[in-house]
Amino acid sequence: MHSIKILATIPRRKDISEQQFHDHWRHPHGTLSKKIACLRGYVQSHRIVSPLLPDTQLAYDGITELWYDSLDDALNMGKDPAHRKYNIPDEPLFVDMDGLKFTFFEEDIIRSRPAVDDPDDAAVQWSPTEWSVSVKILQLVKADGNPAWAGDQDKALGDRIGAFRHVRSFAIDAVHKGTSPFIGARELWWPTLSDFERGVAGDRAAFDALLAQAGQHYTMLASAERVI
């Protein structure tokens, strides 16, 4: 997988419904994104309101994840002819542009696949790059959050709540020069919402510990839908 990515927090326009936002983002916006030559991956994370998270989860309706071969490609996507022609004009039709925030990240994968020993277990076959829809927690560590948000026990805590994949990402300071809206990101995957709920119910203390160690953060539960 490619290591350079952008995560963008997206609030919807207040004059459209949640359904209108999510549907427009999927199509035509997501469909048009397939024309962008430099994109190597594109995932739309559509918010699932969860009783396990504070009301701050409502600040954004979705998070875009964009992948590139290089940092140069990411920095220059705005020059892509298809992006300029189709996507940029389309964004204000469903996005509150004043609240849109972009952060450039480089990631550290601490669990790539499920911790499963039984070759007959269905989990062996699961991969977020091969299945078009999964469920994930996305935690974005705010600029005034805990600088030591990535701890030595992270992998063990993620395993305790049954996360199939666990990734930490760090803001690229060469791009943001200390001004990034978020300094880090944590992503944890499960195949389904039921798998997520069972995992957290099995060890709520581990889930709470992962959230708390970020300090100031924005966290969303989402249906992650792969476009590219």
Protein backbone atom coordinates (compact mmCIF):
# COMPACT_ATOMS: atom_id res chain seq x y z
CA MET A 1 0.00 0.00 0.00
CA HIS A 2 1.04 3.63 -0.52
CA SER A 3 2.24 5.53 2.55
CA ILE A 4 1.43 9.17 1.65
CA LYS A 5 -2.17 10.14 2.25
CA ILE A 6 -4.48 13.02 2.97
CA LEU A 7 -7.29 12.84 5.52
CA ALA A 8 -9.93 15.53 5.10
CA THR A 9 -12.71 16.14 7.63
CA ILE A 10 -15.94 17.06 5.85
CA PRO A 11 -18.95 18.90 7.31
CA ARG A 12 -22.07 18.90 5.16
CA ARG A 13 -23.85 21.98 3.96
CA LYS A 14 -26.46 22.85 6.57
CA ASP A 15 -29.21 23.32 3.98
CA ILE A 16 -29.11 19.69 2.85
CA SER A 17 -30.07 16.53 4.71
CA GLU A 18 -27.66 13.87 5.91
CA GLN A 19 -28.95 11.48 3.26
CA GLN A 20 -28.48 14.07 0.52
CA PHE A 21 -24.91 14.67 1.71
CA HIS A 22 -23.92 11.01 1.80
CA ASP A 23 -25.62 10.17 -1.48
CA HIS A 24 -24.09 13.10 -3.36
CA TRP A 25 -20.66 12.28 -1.96
CA ARG A 26 -21.00 8.72 -3.25
CA HIS A 27 -22.37 9.79 -6.61
CA PRO A 28 -21.67 11.89 -8.55
CA HIS A 29 -18.67 13.11 -6.51
CA GLY A 30 -17.07 9.74 -5.80
CA THR A 31 -17.67 8.53 -9.33
CA LEU A 32 -16.07 11.66 -10.80
CA SER A 33 -13.00 11.13 -8.60
CA LYS A 34 -12.07 8.05 -10.60
CA LYS A 35 -10.91 10.43 -13.34
CA ILE A 36 -8.10 11.89 -11.17
CA ALA A 37 -4.87 10.41 -12.56
CA CYS A 38 -2.65 10.77 -9.47
CA LEU A 39 -5.00 9.03 -7.02
CA ARG A 40 -3.85 5.55 -5.97
CA GLY A 41 -6.57 5.06 -3.39
CA TYR A 42 -9.74 6.82 -2.29
CA VAL A 43 -11.91 5.84 0.67
CA GLN A 44 -15.03 7.66 1.85
CA SER A 45 -15.74 7.21 5.57
CA HIS A 46 -19.43 7.95 6.17
CA ARG A 47 -20.23 8.75 9.82
CA ILE A 48 -22.17 6.26 11.94
CA VAL A 49 -23.51 7.98 15.07
CA SER A 50 -22.42 5.87 18.04
CA PRO A 51 -23.44 5.92 21.73
CA LEU A 52 -19.83 4.97 22.51
CA LEU A 53 -18.56 8.38 21.38
CA PRO A 54 -19.16 11.93 22.68
CA ASP A 55 -21.39 14.43 20.89
CA THR A 56 -18.31 15.96 19.26
CA GLN A 57 -18.61 13.12 16.73
CA LEU A 58 -21.32 15.25 15.07
CA ALA A 59 -18.84 17.97 14.05
CA TYR A 60 -18.17 16.23 10.74
CA ASP A 61 -20.29 14.02 8.51
CA GLY A 62 -17.45 12.18 6.84
CA ILE A 63 -13.71 11.84 6.34
CA THR A 64 -12.02 11.48 2.97
CA GLU A 65 -8.89 9.33 2.67
CA LEU A 66 -6.75 9.94 -0.43
CA TRP A 67 -3.63 7.96 -1.38
CA TYR A 68 -0.67 8.92 -3.59
CA ASP A 69 2.59 7.49 -4.89
CA SER A 70 4.53 10.49 -3.61
CA LEU A 71 4.22 13.66 -1.56
CA ASP A 72 4.75 15.66 -4.75
CA ASP A 73 1.68 14.01 -6.31
CA ALA A 74 -0.38 14.85 -3.23
CA LEU A 75 0.73 18.48 -3.20
CA ASN A 76 -0.04 18.90 -6.89
CA MET A 77 -3.44 17.19 -7.10
CA GLY A 78 -5.07 20.59 -7.41
CA LYS A 79 -3.47 20.93 -10.84
CA ASP A 80 -4.99 17.68 -12.16
CA PRO A 81 -7.27 18.59 -15.10
CA ALA A 82 -10.06 16.20 -14.10
CA HIS A 83 -9.96 17.34 -10.47
CA ARG A 84 -10.16 20.99 -11.56
CA LYS A 85 -12.95 20.34 -14.06
CA TYR A 86 -15.19 18.00 -12.06
CA ASN A 87 -14.44 17.68 -8.35
CA ILE A 88 -13.54 21.22 -7.31
CA PRO A 89 -16.76 22.73 -8.73
CA ASP A 90 -18.81 19.88 -7.27
CA GLU A 91 -17.59 20.19 -3.65
CA PRO A 92 -19.62 23.30 -2.68
CA LEU A 93 -22.80 21.53 -3.77
CA PHE A 94 -22.72 19.33 -0.65
CA VAL A 95 -19.81 20.45 1.57
CA ASP A 96 -19.58 23.32 4.08
CA MET A 97 -16.34 24.59 2.58
CA ASP A 98 -15.49 26.82 5.57
CA GLY A 99 -15.26 23.75 7.81
CA LEU A 100 -13.25 21.53 5.46
CA LYS A 101 -9.82 20.59 6.90
CA PHE A 102 -6.98 18.76 5.13
CA THR A 103 -3.99 17.07 6.78
CA PHE A 104 -1.09 15.35 4.99
CA PHE A 105 0.02 12.17 6.75
CA GLU A 106 2.60 9.40 6.59
CA GLU A 107 1.45 6.18 8.22
CA ASP A 108 2.83 3.54 10.54
CA ILE A 109 1.02 0.19 10.29
CA ILE A 110 1.15 -1.58 13.66
CA ARG A 111 -1.28 -4.37 12.72
CA SER A 112 -1.77 -5.13 9.05
CA ARG A 113 -4.11 -8.12 9.32
CA PRO A 114 -6.18 -9.92 11.97
CA ALA A 115 -4.35 -11.85 14.68
CA VAL A 116 -5.77 -15.24 13.67
CA ASP A 117 -4.04 -18.63 13.87
CA ASP A 118 -6.80 -20.85 12.46
CA PRO A 119 -6.44 -21.03 8.64
CA ASP A 120 -10.14 -21.91 8.39
CA ASP A 121 -11.22 -18.72 10.17
CA ALA A 122 -12.91 -16.30 7.75
CA ALA A 123 -10.85 -13.47 9.23
CA VAL A 124 -7.78 -14.84 7.44
CA GLN A 125 -9.31 -13.76 4.13
CA TRP A 126 -10.23 -10.23 5.23
CA SER A 127 -8.41 -7.16 3.94
CA PRO A 128 -9.55 -3.52 3.74
CA THR A 129 -8.03 -3.26 0.26
CA GLU A 130 -9.98 -6.24 -1.08
CA TRP A 131 -13.40 -5.54 0.47
CA SER A 132 -15.25 -2.44 -0.67
CA VAL A 133 -16.95 -1.70 2.68
CA SER A 134 -15.71 -2.01 6.26
CA VAL A 135 -16.29 -0.33 9.62
CA LYS A 136 -13.62 1.77 11.23
CA ILE A 137 -12.80 4.14 14.04
CA LEU A 138 -10.96 7.25 12.91
CA GLN A 139 -9.39 9.32 15.66
CA LEU A 140 -7.74 12.61 14.71
CA VAL A 141 -5.44 14.08 17.37
CA LYS A 142 -5.90 17.85 17.49
CA ALA A 143 -3.01 20.31 17.36
CA ASP A 144 -3.36 20.86 21.12
CA GLY A 145 -3.67 17.13 21.82
CA ASN A 146 -1.19 14.87 23.57
CA PRO A 147 2.15 14.91 21.67
CA ALA A 148 2.80 11.41 23.05
CA TRP A 149 -0.54 10.06 21.75
CA ALA A 150 1.16 7.06 20.09
CA GLY A 151 2.09 4.70 22.92
CA ASP A 152 3.97 1.43 23.32
CA GLN A 153 0.76 -0.38 24.32
CA ASP A 154 -1.24 0.68 21.26
CA LYS A 155 -1.00 -2.61 19.40
CA ALA A 156 -2.01 -4.61 22.47
CA LEU A 157 -4.95 -2.29 23.18
CA GLY A 158 -6.18 -2.59 19.60
CA ASP A 159 -5.90 -6.37 19.75
CA ARG A 160 -7.91 -6.43 22.98
CA ILE A 161 -10.89 -4.86 21.19
CA GLY A 162 -10.56 -7.20 18.24
CA ALA A 163 -9.41 -4.66 15.63
CA PHE A 164 -8.56 -6.43 12.37
CA ARG A 165 -6.19 -3.64 11.32
CA HIS A 166 -4.55 -0.80 13.27
CA VAL A 167 -2.72 2.16 11.74
CA ARG A 168 -1.18 5.28 13.24
CA SER A 169 -0.39 8.26 11.01
CA PHE A 170 1.73 11.31 11.69
CA ALA A 171 1.26 14.75 10.14
CA ILE A 172 3.99 15.66 7.66
CA ASP A 173 5.64 18.71 9.18
CA ALA A 174 7.49 19.51 5.95
CA VAL A 175 4.06 20.38 4.52
CA HIS A 176 2.32 21.95 7.51
CA LYS A 177 5.33 23.47 9.31
CA GLY A 178 3.65 23.23 12.70
CA THR A 179 0.24 24.49 11.54
CA SER A 180 -1.59 21.21 10.82
CA PRO A 181 -5.12 21.01 12.28
CA PHE A 182 -4.33 17.49 13.46
CA ILE A 183 -0.95 16.10 14.53
CA GLY A 184 -1.85 12.43 14.30
CA ALA A 185 -4.48 9.92 13.31
CA ARG A 186 -5.45 6.48 14.58
CA GLU A 187 -7.50 4.09 12.45
CA LEU A 188 -8.92 0.74 13.56
CA TRP A 189 -10.88 -1.59 11.25
CA TRP A 190 -13.53 -4.29 11.64
CA PRO A 191 -15.43 -6.10 8.87
CA THR A 192 -18.87 -5.13 10.22
CA LEU A 193 -20.59 -2.91 12.78
CA SER A 194 -21.47 -6.01 14.82
CA ASP A 195 -17.78 -7.01 14.93
CA PHE A 196 -16.89 -3.55 16.21
CA GLU A 197 -19.60 -3.61 18.88
CA ARG A 198 -18.59 -7.08 20.08
CA GLY A 199 -14.94 -6.08 20.21
CA VAL A 200 -15.53 -2.98 22.30
CA ALA A 201 -18.04 -4.76 24.57
CA GLY A 202 -15.39 -7.40 25.22
CA ASP A 203 -12.91 -4.85 26.62
CA ARG A 204 -14.38 -1.39 27.07
CA ALA A 205 -11.40 -0.33 29.19
CA ALA A 206 -9.02 -0.87 26.26
CA PHE A 207 -11.25 1.16 23.94
CA ASP A 208 -11.49 4.02 26.43
CA ALA A 209 -7.72 3.97 26.99
CA LEU A 210 -7.01 4.30 23.26
CA LEU A 211 -9.34 7.28 22.99
CA ALA A 212 -8.15 9.01 26.15
CA GLN A 213 -4.42 8.93 25.47
CA ALA A 214 -4.88 11.32 22.51
CA GLY A 215 -5.92 14.17 24.79
CA GLN A 216 -7.83 16.61 22.58
CA HIS A 217 -9.22 14.67 19.63
CA TYR A 218 -11.99 14.21 17.13
CA THR A 219 -13.22 10.62 16.77
CA MET A 220 -15.72 9.14 14.34
CA LEU A 221 -17.18 5.68 13.80
CA ALA A 222 -17.72 5.22 10.08
CA SER A 223 -18.72 3.00 7.23
CA ALA A 224 -15.57 3.07 5.09
CA GLU A 225 -16.43 2.74 1.41
CA ARG A 226 -13.58 2.20 -1.07
CA VAL A 227 -13.95 4.11 -4.33
CA ILE A 228 -10.45 3.46 -5.68
